[in-house]
Amino acid sequence: MMSFLPRLALPVLLLVVAACSPMPRFHGYAPDDTELAQIEVARDTRESVEEKIGRPSMTGVMEGSAWYYVQSDWVQRGWRAPEEIDRQVVMISFDGSDRVSNIERYGLEDGEVVALSRRVTSTGPTGGTILRQLLSNFGQFNPAQLINN
């Protein structure tokens, strides 16, 4: 029985150490500088950009707006929440004739924390149900108020 415990302890220890090692995760796609060098400002169109580097993961909501390629690299260590270690956002802007007007790259250091406003609809009157509110008004009735008015 005693010789069984040391043989069991080593695999359990290896499993615990492996569970605590950082686990990287990669999301999205952003073209690197060599791919972006293929695109010529004022010459390439949306179609040629799509052929050279592919369709973006996001586009602007306005017609004729920019294309956004977004890539995020995350690492998770053990039981802790995942931590974003790198983010690349490539924005390709187009002019009115759908030709590339600008190419910009933003990193994690360029980001800002945006405070989202919570617009919550009120739940209505508090203090119980409508029936309870109606019945509670009966006790507050005073006939003298009718005579004085």
Protein backbone atom coordinates (compact mmCIF):
# COMPACT_ATOMS: atom_id res chain seq x y z
CA MET A 1 0.00 0.00 0.00
CA MET A 2 2.81 2.43 0.83
CA SER A 3 4.57 1.87 -2.51
CA PHE A 4 1.36 2.78 -4.35
CA LEU A 5 1.18 6.34 -2.93
CA PRO A 6 4.50 7.63 -4.39
CA ARG A 7 3.51 6.29 -7.84
CA LEU A 8 0.16 8.08 -7.59
CA ALA A 9 1.63 11.33 -6.23
CA LEU A 10 3.83 12.05 -9.26
CA PRO A 11 1.01 12.02 -11.88
CA VAL A 12 -1.24 14.07 -9.58
CA LEU A 13 1.57 16.60 -9.04
CA LEU A 14 2.21 16.81 -12.80
CA LEU A 15 -1.52 17.35 -13.42
CA VAL A 16 -1.67 20.17 -10.86
CA VAL A 17 1.40 21.89 -12.36
CA ALA A 18 -0.02 21.57 -15.90
CA ALA A 19 -3.36 23.05 -14.79
CA CYS A 20 -1.60 26.14 -13.42
CA SER A 21 0.44 26.89 -16.56
CA PRO A 22 -0.66 29.89 -18.65
CA MET A 23 -3.04 29.02 -21.48
CA PRO A 24 -2.87 31.44 -24.45
CA ARG A 25 -5.94 32.13 -26.62
CA PHE A 26 -6.01 34.05 -29.88
CA HIS A 27 -9.13 35.69 -31.33
CA GLY A 28 -9.64 37.45 -34.63
CA TYR A 29 -7.26 38.44 -37.39
CA ALA A 30 -5.28 41.59 -38.11
CA PRO A 31 -2.94 41.67 -41.13
CA ASP A 32 0.73 42.24 -40.38
CA ASP A 33 2.87 44.99 -41.89
CA THR A 34 4.06 42.86 -44.83
CA GLU A 35 0.45 42.17 -45.85
CA LEU A 36 -0.48 45.84 -45.45
CA ALA A 37 2.48 46.84 -47.65
CA GLN A 38 0.62 45.22 -50.59
CA ILE A 39 -2.16 47.83 -50.31
CA GLU A 40 -1.62 51.14 -52.09
CA VAL A 41 -3.41 54.23 -50.77
CA ALA A 42 -5.55 56.01 -53.41
CA ARG A 43 -5.14 53.07 -55.80
CA ASP A 44 -6.65 49.95 -54.20
CA THR A 45 -10.40 49.50 -53.87
CA ARG A 46 -12.53 47.47 -51.47
CA GLU A 47 -12.46 44.55 -53.91
CA SER A 48 -8.68 44.57 -54.28
CA VAL A 49 -8.20 44.87 -50.51
CA GLU A 50 -10.49 41.87 -50.06
CA GLU A 51 -8.43 39.87 -52.58
CA LYS A 52 -5.12 40.81 -50.92
CA ILE A 53 -5.88 40.44 -47.20
CA GLY A 54 -9.47 39.17 -46.92
CA ARG A 55 -12.73 40.57 -45.58
CA PRO A 56 -12.66 42.37 -42.23
CA SER A 57 -14.17 41.13 -39.01
CA MET A 58 -16.05 44.44 -38.61
CA THR A 59 -17.15 47.32 -40.77
CA GLY A 60 -18.33 50.79 -39.90
CA VAL A 61 -22.05 51.43 -39.71
CA MET A 62 -22.05 54.35 -42.12
CA GLU A 63 -22.02 53.71 -45.86
CA GLY A 64 -18.53 54.12 -47.30
CA SER A 65 -16.94 53.86 -43.88
CA ALA A 66 -13.84 52.00 -42.79
CA TRP A 67 -13.02 48.31 -42.45
CA TYR A 68 -11.69 47.07 -39.11
CA TYR A 69 -9.49 44.01 -38.60
CA VAL A 70 -9.30 43.12 -34.89
CA GLN A 71 -7.04 40.58 -33.19
CA SER A 72 -6.83 39.97 -29.44
CA ASP A 73 -4.37 37.75 -27.59
CA TRP A 74 -5.40 36.52 -24.15
CA VAL A 75 -3.75 34.42 -21.47
CA GLN A 76 -5.47 32.57 -18.64
CA ARG A 77 -3.51 31.53 -15.59
CA GLY A 78 -5.16 28.87 -13.49
CA TRP A 79 -8.51 29.87 -12.03
CA ARG A 80 -8.04 33.61 -12.61
CA ALA A 81 -10.01 35.57 -15.21
CA PRO A 82 -8.42 35.79 -18.67
CA GLU A 83 -6.12 38.77 -19.20
CA GLU A 84 -5.75 40.53 -22.54
CA ILE A 85 -2.03 40.83 -23.32
CA ASP A 86 -2.18 42.25 -26.85
CA ARG A 87 -4.72 43.81 -29.20
CA GLN A 88 -4.22 44.96 -32.76
CA VAL A 89 -6.83 46.97 -34.65
CA VAL A 90 -6.14 47.77 -38.29
CA MET A 91 -8.44 50.37 -39.80
CA ILE A 92 -8.60 50.82 -43.56
CA SER A 93 -10.54 53.95 -44.55
CA PHE A 94 -12.13 54.48 -47.95
CA ASP A 95 -13.03 57.68 -49.78
CA GLY A 96 -16.24 58.44 -51.68
CA SER A 97 -15.14 56.41 -54.72
CA ASP A 98 -14.34 53.32 -52.57
CA ARG A 99 -10.58 53.76 -52.87
CA VAL A 100 -8.27 53.33 -49.85
CA SER A 101 -7.70 56.72 -48.24
CA ASN A 102 -5.80 55.70 -45.08
CA ILE A 103 -4.40 52.69 -43.20
CA GLU A 104 -3.96 52.90 -39.43
CA ARG A 105 -2.89 50.42 -36.76
CA TYR A 106 -3.84 50.72 -33.10
CA GLY A 107 -2.51 48.64 -30.23
CA LEU A 108 -3.67 47.83 -26.72
CA GLU A 109 -1.82 50.91 -25.42
CA ASP A 110 -3.95 53.13 -27.69
CA GLY A 111 -7.24 51.92 -26.23
CA GLU A 112 -9.45 53.79 -23.82
CA VAL A 113 -11.78 52.57 -21.13
CA VAL A 114 -15.29 53.55 -22.16
CA ALA A 115 -17.89 53.94 -19.43
CA LEU A 116 -21.13 52.45 -20.66
CA SER A 117 -24.28 54.20 -19.52
CA ARG A 118 -26.92 51.93 -18.12
CA ARG A 119 -30.33 53.10 -19.11
CA VAL A 120 -32.60 51.06 -16.90
CA THR A 121 -36.34 51.37 -17.11
CA SER A 122 -37.99 52.03 -13.78
CA THR A 123 -39.97 49.13 -12.38
CA GLY A 124 -42.82 51.46 -11.47
CA PRO A 125 -44.25 52.22 -8.06
CA THR A 126 -42.63 50.50 -5.15
CA GLY A 127 -44.28 49.25 -2.02
CA GLY A 128 -46.22 46.25 -3.25
CA THR A 129 -48.94 45.48 -5.71
CA ILE A 130 -51.61 47.86 -7.00
CA LEU A 131 -54.25 46.07 -4.92
CA ARG A 132 -52.20 46.59 -1.77
CA GLN A 133 -51.82 50.31 -2.55
CA LEU A 134 -55.59 50.70 -3.14
CA LEU A 135 -56.49 48.94 0.08
CA SER A 136 -53.97 50.96 2.09
CA ASN A 137 -55.72 54.20 1.00
CA PHE A 138 -58.96 53.17 2.77
CA GLY A 139 -57.34 53.61 6.18
CA GLN A 140 -56.19 57.15 5.31
CA PHE A 141 -59.72 58.45 4.54
CA ASN A 142 -60.89 61.25 6.85
CA PRO A 143 -64.55 62.54 6.42
CA ALA A 144 -63.58 65.91 8.00
CA GLN A 145 -61.48 66.65 4.91
CA LEU A 146 -64.65 66.58 2.79
CA ILE A 147 -66.42 69.17 4.96
CA ASN A 148 -63.49 71.62 5.10
CA ASN A 149 -63.04 71.69 1.30
